[in-house]
Amino acid sequence: MKLNCWEFKKCGREPGGSNQRQGSCPAAEERALNGVHGGKNAGRACWVVAGTLCDDAVQGTFAKKYSGCEKCDFYDKVWQEEKSSYVYSSALVGKLRAAGNNI
């Protein structure tokens, strides 16, 4: 079973989750990337979504946060699981822009 970031990290920031102090994470609600890498919404492409809530801090834009995301254990898990079918960040950013989202 492929896990979404909020399931892997057990952060509780999915809609209706146990940790809503800062609201739901934008990755859990970003529908433009639904299905990417087999995830729900942007649950398996969180590294391209602006404003995600990681380690109890709001992350910035893709350009500002991506270098940190590349070191994340969840990012590595998705990379390893997807290998030849991995959708590169540039394509994901393009999908977000086409949907009119800020990255």
N, C-alpha and C. Protein backbone atom coordinates (compact mmCIF):
# COMPACT_ATOMS: atom_id res chain seq x y z
N MET A 1 0.84 -1.18 0.00
CA MET A 1 0.00 0.00 0.00
C MET A 1 0.89 1.25 0.00
N LYS A 2 0.57 2.18 -0.86
CA LYS A 2 1.33 3.42 -0.94
C LYS A 2 0.77 4.43 0.05
N LEU A 3 1.66 4.94 0.88
CA LEU A 3 1.26 5.89 1.90
C LEU A 3 1.38 7.32 1.39
N ASN A 4 0.47 8.17 1.84
CA ASN A 4 0.57 9.60 1.63
C ASN A 4 1.47 10.17 2.72
N CYS A 5 1.97 11.38 2.50
CA CYS A 5 2.92 11.97 3.45
C CYS A 5 2.35 12.04 4.86
N TRP A 6 1.10 12.44 5.02
CA TRP A 6 0.51 12.58 6.35
C TRP A 6 0.36 11.23 7.05
N GLU A 7 0.23 10.16 6.27
CA GLU A 7 0.17 8.82 6.86
C GLU A 7 1.57 8.36 7.27
N PHE A 8 2.54 8.60 6.41
CA PHE A 8 3.92 8.21 6.68
C PHE A 8 4.48 8.98 7.87
N LYS A 9 4.24 10.28 7.88
CA LYS A 9 4.77 11.15 8.95
C LYS A 9 3.91 11.13 10.21
N LYS A 10 2.68 10.65 10.07
CA LYS A 10 1.73 10.60 11.20
C LYS A 10 1.57 11.97 11.85
N CYS A 11 1.41 12.98 11.00
CA CYS A 11 1.33 14.36 11.50
C CYS A 11 -0.09 14.76 11.90
N GLY A 12 -1.10 14.07 11.41
CA GLY A 12 -2.47 14.41 11.73
C GLY A 12 -3.00 15.65 11.05
N ARG A 13 -2.32 16.09 9.99
CA ARG A 13 -2.72 17.33 9.33
C ARG A 13 -3.56 17.13 8.08
N GLU A 14 -4.02 15.89 7.85
CA GLU A 14 -4.96 15.67 6.77
C GLU A 14 -6.32 16.23 7.21
N PRO A 15 -7.23 16.54 6.27
CA PRO A 15 -8.55 17.04 6.66
C PRO A 15 -9.21 16.09 7.67
N GLY A 16 -9.63 16.64 8.78
CA GLY A 16 -10.24 15.84 9.83
C GLY A 16 -9.25 15.12 10.73
N GLY A 17 -7.96 15.36 10.51
CA GLY A 17 -6.93 14.71 11.29
C GLY A 17 -6.86 15.21 12.72
N SER A 18 -6.02 14.58 13.50
CA SER A 18 -5.93 14.88 14.93
C SER A 18 -5.15 16.14 15.26
N ASN A 19 -4.44 16.70 14.29
CA ASN A 19 -3.60 17.88 14.55
C ASN A 19 -4.01 19.01 13.60
N GLN A 20 -4.97 19.78 14.03
CA GLN A 20 -5.49 20.86 13.18
C GLN A 20 -5.16 22.24 13.73
N ARG A 21 -4.16 22.34 14.62
CA ARG A 21 -3.77 23.64 15.19
C ARG A 21 -3.52 24.66 14.09
N GLN A 22 -2.84 24.24 13.03
CA GLN A 22 -2.51 25.14 11.92
C GLN A 22 -3.37 24.84 10.69
N GLY A 23 -4.42 24.07 10.89
CA GLY A 23 -5.30 23.70 9.79
C GLY A 23 -4.75 22.51 9.02
N SER A 24 -5.47 22.13 8.00
CA SER A 24 -5.03 21.02 7.17
C SER A 24 -3.84 21.43 6.32
N CYS A 25 -2.97 20.49 6.05
CA CYS A 25 -1.81 20.75 5.21
C CYS A 25 -2.25 20.96 3.76
N PRO A 26 -1.67 21.93 3.06
CA PRO A 26 -2.01 22.16 1.66
C PRO A 26 -1.80 20.92 0.78
N ALA A 27 -0.84 20.07 1.10
CA ALA A 27 -0.61 18.86 0.30
C ALA A 27 -1.81 17.92 0.39
N ALA A 28 -2.47 17.89 1.52
CA ALA A 28 -3.62 17.02 1.71
C ALA A 28 -4.85 17.53 0.96
N GLU A 29 -4.82 18.80 0.57
CA GLU A 29 -5.97 19.39 -0.10
C GLU A 29 -5.72 19.74 -1.57
N GLU A 30 -4.49 19.62 -2.04
CA GLU A 30 -4.13 20.01 -3.41
C GLU A 30 -4.61 18.97 -4.42
N ARG A 31 -5.74 19.23 -5.05
CA ARG A 31 -6.37 18.26 -5.96
C ARG A 31 -5.71 18.18 -7.34
N ALA A 32 -4.95 19.20 -7.71
CA ALA A 32 -4.34 19.20 -9.04
C ALA A 32 -3.34 18.06 -9.20
N LEU A 33 -2.84 17.51 -8.10
CA LEU A 33 -1.87 16.42 -8.17
C LEU A 33 -2.46 15.09 -7.68
N ASN A 34 -3.78 15.02 -7.62
CA ASN A 34 -4.44 13.79 -7.19
C ASN A 34 -4.03 12.63 -8.10
N GLY A 35 -3.61 11.55 -7.49
CA GLY A 35 -3.21 10.36 -8.24
C GLY A 35 -1.74 10.29 -8.58
N VAL A 36 -1.01 11.38 -8.46
CA VAL A 36 0.42 11.36 -8.77
C VAL A 36 1.12 10.39 -7.82
N HIS A 37 1.90 9.51 -8.37
CA HIS A 37 2.62 8.48 -7.62
C HIS A 37 1.68 7.59 -6.80
N GLY A 38 0.40 7.56 -7.19
CA GLY A 38 -0.58 6.72 -6.50
C GLY A 38 -1.11 7.32 -5.22
N GLY A 39 -0.96 8.62 -5.04
CA GLY A 39 -1.39 9.26 -3.80
C GLY A 39 -2.70 9.99 -3.91
N LYS A 40 -3.22 10.37 -2.75
CA LYS A 40 -4.43 11.18 -2.68
C LYS A 40 -4.02 12.65 -2.68
N ASN A 41 -4.66 13.42 -3.55
CA ASN A 41 -4.33 14.83 -3.73
C ASN A 41 -2.81 14.96 -3.94
N ALA A 42 -2.10 15.74 -3.16
CA ALA A 42 -0.65 15.84 -3.35
C ALA A 42 0.10 15.06 -2.27
N GLY A 43 -0.53 14.03 -1.78
CA GLY A 43 0.04 13.25 -0.68
C GLY A 43 1.31 12.50 -1.00
N ARG A 44 1.63 12.35 -2.29
CA ARG A 44 2.89 11.71 -2.67
C ARG A 44 3.69 12.62 -3.60
N ALA A 45 3.44 13.93 -3.44
CA ALA A 45 4.18 14.95 -4.19
C ALA A 45 4.21 16.24 -3.37
N CYS A 46 4.24 16.11 -2.06
CA CYS A 46 4.15 17.25 -1.15
C CYS A 46 5.28 18.26 -1.34
N TRP A 47 6.41 17.80 -1.85
CA TRP A 47 7.58 18.68 -1.98
C TRP A 47 7.40 19.80 -2.98
N VAL A 48 6.39 19.75 -3.83
CA VAL A 48 6.17 20.84 -4.79
C VAL A 48 5.03 21.77 -4.37
N VAL A 49 4.40 21.48 -3.25
CA VAL A 49 3.26 22.28 -2.80
C VAL A 49 3.74 23.34 -1.81
N ALA A 50 3.44 24.59 -2.11
CA ALA A 50 3.81 25.70 -1.23
C ALA A 50 3.00 25.66 0.06
N GLY A 51 3.65 26.03 1.15
CA GLY A 51 2.95 26.18 2.41
C GLY A 51 2.66 24.91 3.17
N THR A 52 3.31 23.81 2.81
CA THR A 52 3.09 22.58 3.56
C THR A 52 3.56 22.75 4.99
N LEU A 53 3.03 21.93 5.86
CA LEU A 53 3.34 22.02 7.28
C LEU A 53 4.21 20.84 7.65
N CYS A 54 5.50 21.07 7.72
CA CYS A 54 6.45 19.99 8.04
C CYS A 54 7.21 20.35 9.30
N ASP A 55 7.37 19.37 10.15
CA ASP A 55 8.13 19.58 11.40
C ASP A 55 7.61 20.78 12.18
N ASP A 56 6.29 20.89 12.26
CA ASP A 56 5.62 21.96 13.01
C ASP A 56 5.93 23.37 12.52
N ALA A 57 6.32 23.49 11.26
CA ALA A 57 6.59 24.81 10.69
C ALA A 57 6.04 24.88 9.27
N VAL A 58 5.46 26.03 8.95
CA VAL A 58 4.98 26.24 7.59
C VAL A 58 6.18 26.40 6.67
N GLN A 59 6.21 25.62 5.62
CA GLN A 59 7.29 25.68 4.64
C GLN A 59 6.93 26.71 3.58
N GLY A 60 7.90 27.21 2.89
CA GLY A 60 7.69 28.24 1.89
C GLY A 60 7.35 27.68 0.52
N THR A 61 7.75 28.42 -0.47
CA THR A 61 7.50 28.04 -1.85
C THR A 61 8.37 26.84 -2.23
N PHE A 62 8.06 26.25 -3.36
CA PHE A 62 8.84 25.12 -3.87
C PHE A 62 10.32 25.49 -3.95
N ALA A 63 10.62 26.64 -4.52
CA ALA A 63 12.02 27.05 -4.70
C ALA A 63 12.76 27.16 -3.37
N LYS A 64 12.07 27.59 -2.33
CA LYS A 64 12.71 27.77 -1.03
C LYS A 64 12.84 26.46 -0.25
N LYS A 65 11.91 25.54 -0.44
CA LYS A 65 11.89 24.36 0.41
C LYS A 65 12.46 23.10 -0.22
N TYR A 66 12.60 23.06 -1.53
CA TYR A 66 12.92 21.81 -2.22
C TYR A 66 14.23 21.18 -1.77
N SER A 67 15.25 21.96 -1.52
CA SER A 67 16.54 21.36 -1.12
C SER A 67 16.39 20.58 0.19
N GLY A 68 15.55 21.06 1.09
CA GLY A 68 15.29 20.33 2.32
C GLY A 68 14.44 19.09 2.07
N CYS A 69 13.51 19.20 1.15
CA CYS A 69 12.64 18.07 0.83
C CYS A 69 13.42 16.91 0.23
N GLU A 70 14.45 17.23 -0.54
CA GLU A 70 15.26 16.17 -1.13
C GLU A 70 15.95 15.31 -0.08
N LYS A 71 16.07 15.81 1.13
CA LYS A 71 16.71 15.07 2.22
C LYS A 71 15.70 14.34 3.11
N CYS A 72 14.42 14.50 2.80
CA CYS A 72 13.34 13.95 3.61
C CYS A 72 13.21 12.44 3.40
N ASP A 73 12.95 11.72 4.49
CA ASP A 73 12.78 10.27 4.38
C ASP A 73 11.56 9.89 3.56
N PHE A 74 10.51 10.70 3.58
CA PHE A 74 9.34 10.39 2.77
C PHE A 74 9.62 10.61 1.29
N TYR A 75 10.30 11.69 0.95
CA TYR A 75 10.68 11.94 -0.45
C TYR A 75 11.50 10.76 -0.98
N ASP A 76 12.44 10.30 -0.19
CA ASP A 76 13.27 9.16 -0.59
C ASP A 76 12.43 7.90 -0.77
N LYS A 77 11.47 7.69 0.11
CA LYS A 77 10.57 6.52 0.01
C LYS A 77 9.81 6.55 -1.32
N VAL A 78 9.24 7.70 -1.67
CA VAL A 78 8.48 7.82 -2.92
C VAL A 78 9.42 7.58 -4.10
N TRP A 79 10.58 8.19 -4.08
CA TRP A 79 11.57 8.00 -5.15
C TRP A 79 11.89 6.51 -5.33
N GLN A 80 12.15 5.82 -4.25
CA GLN A 80 12.50 4.40 -4.32
C GLN A 80 11.33 3.54 -4.80
N GLU A 81 10.13 3.86 -4.36
CA GLU A 81 8.95 3.08 -4.76
C GLU A 81 8.58 3.31 -6.22
N GLU A 82 8.77 4.51 -6.71
CA GLU A 82 8.32 4.84 -8.07
C GLU A 82 9.37 4.56 -9.13
N LYS A 83 10.63 4.79 -8.82
CA LYS A 83 11.76 4.60 -9.74
C LYS A 83 11.43 4.99 -11.17
N SER A 84 11.16 4.05 -12.05
CA SER A 84 10.99 4.36 -13.48
C SER A 84 9.72 5.16 -13.78
N SER A 85 8.74 5.16 -12.88
CA SER A 85 7.51 5.91 -13.13
C SER A 85 7.45 7.21 -12.31
N TYR A 86 8.58 7.57 -11.69
CA TYR A 86 8.65 8.78 -10.89
C TYR A 86 8.37 10.00 -11.78
N VAL A 87 7.48 10.87 -11.32
CA VAL A 87 7.17 12.11 -12.04
C VAL A 87 8.05 13.20 -11.46
N TYR A 88 8.90 13.77 -12.28
CA TYR A 88 9.86 14.77 -11.81
C TYR A 88 9.17 16.06 -11.40
N SER A 89 9.82 16.75 -10.49
CA SER A 89 9.26 17.97 -9.91
C SER A 89 8.91 19.02 -10.95
N SER A 90 9.70 19.13 -12.00
CA SER A 90 9.39 20.13 -13.04
C SER A 90 8.03 19.86 -13.68
N ALA A 91 7.69 18.60 -13.89
CA ALA A 91 6.38 18.25 -14.46
C ALA A 91 5.27 18.53 -13.45
N LEU A 92 5.53 18.25 -12.19
CA LEU A 92 4.53 18.50 -11.14
C LEU A 92 4.27 19.99 -10.98
N VAL A 93 5.34 20.78 -11.02
CA VAL A 93 5.20 22.24 -10.94
C VAL A 93 4.36 22.73 -12.12
N GLY A 94 4.60 22.18 -13.29
CA GLY A 94 3.83 22.53 -14.48
C GLY A 94 2.35 22.25 -14.28
N LYS A 95 2.01 21.15 -13.66
CA LYS A 95 0.60 20.81 -13.38
C LYS A 95 -0.01 21.83 -12.42
N LEU A 96 0.75 22.19 -11.41
CA LEU A 96 0.25 23.18 -10.45
C LEU A 96 0.02 24.53 -11.12
N ARG A 97 0.98 24.94 -11.94
CA ARG A 97 0.83 26.23 -12.65
C ARG A 97 -0.36 26.20 -13.58
N ALA A 98 -0.53 25.09 -14.30
CA ALA A 98 -1.66 24.96 -15.23
C ALA A 98 -3.00 25.04 -14.49
N ALA A 99 -3.01 24.62 -13.23
CA ALA A 99 -4.22 24.68 -12.41
C ALA A 99 -4.39 26.05 -11.75
N GLY A 100 -3.44 26.95 -11.99
CA GLY A 100 -3.51 28.30 -11.44
C GLY A 100 -3.03 28.44 -10.01
N ASN A 101 -2.22 27.49 -9.58
CA ASN A 101 -1.72 27.52 -8.19
C ASN A 101 -0.39 28.23 -8.09
N ASN A 102 -0.19 28.86 -6.95
CA ASN A 102 1.12 29.44 -6.64
C ASN A 102 2.03 28.33 -6.16
N ILE A 103 3.27 28.38 -6.58
CA ILE A 103 4.21 27.37 -6.13
C ILE A 103 5.34 28.07 -5.44
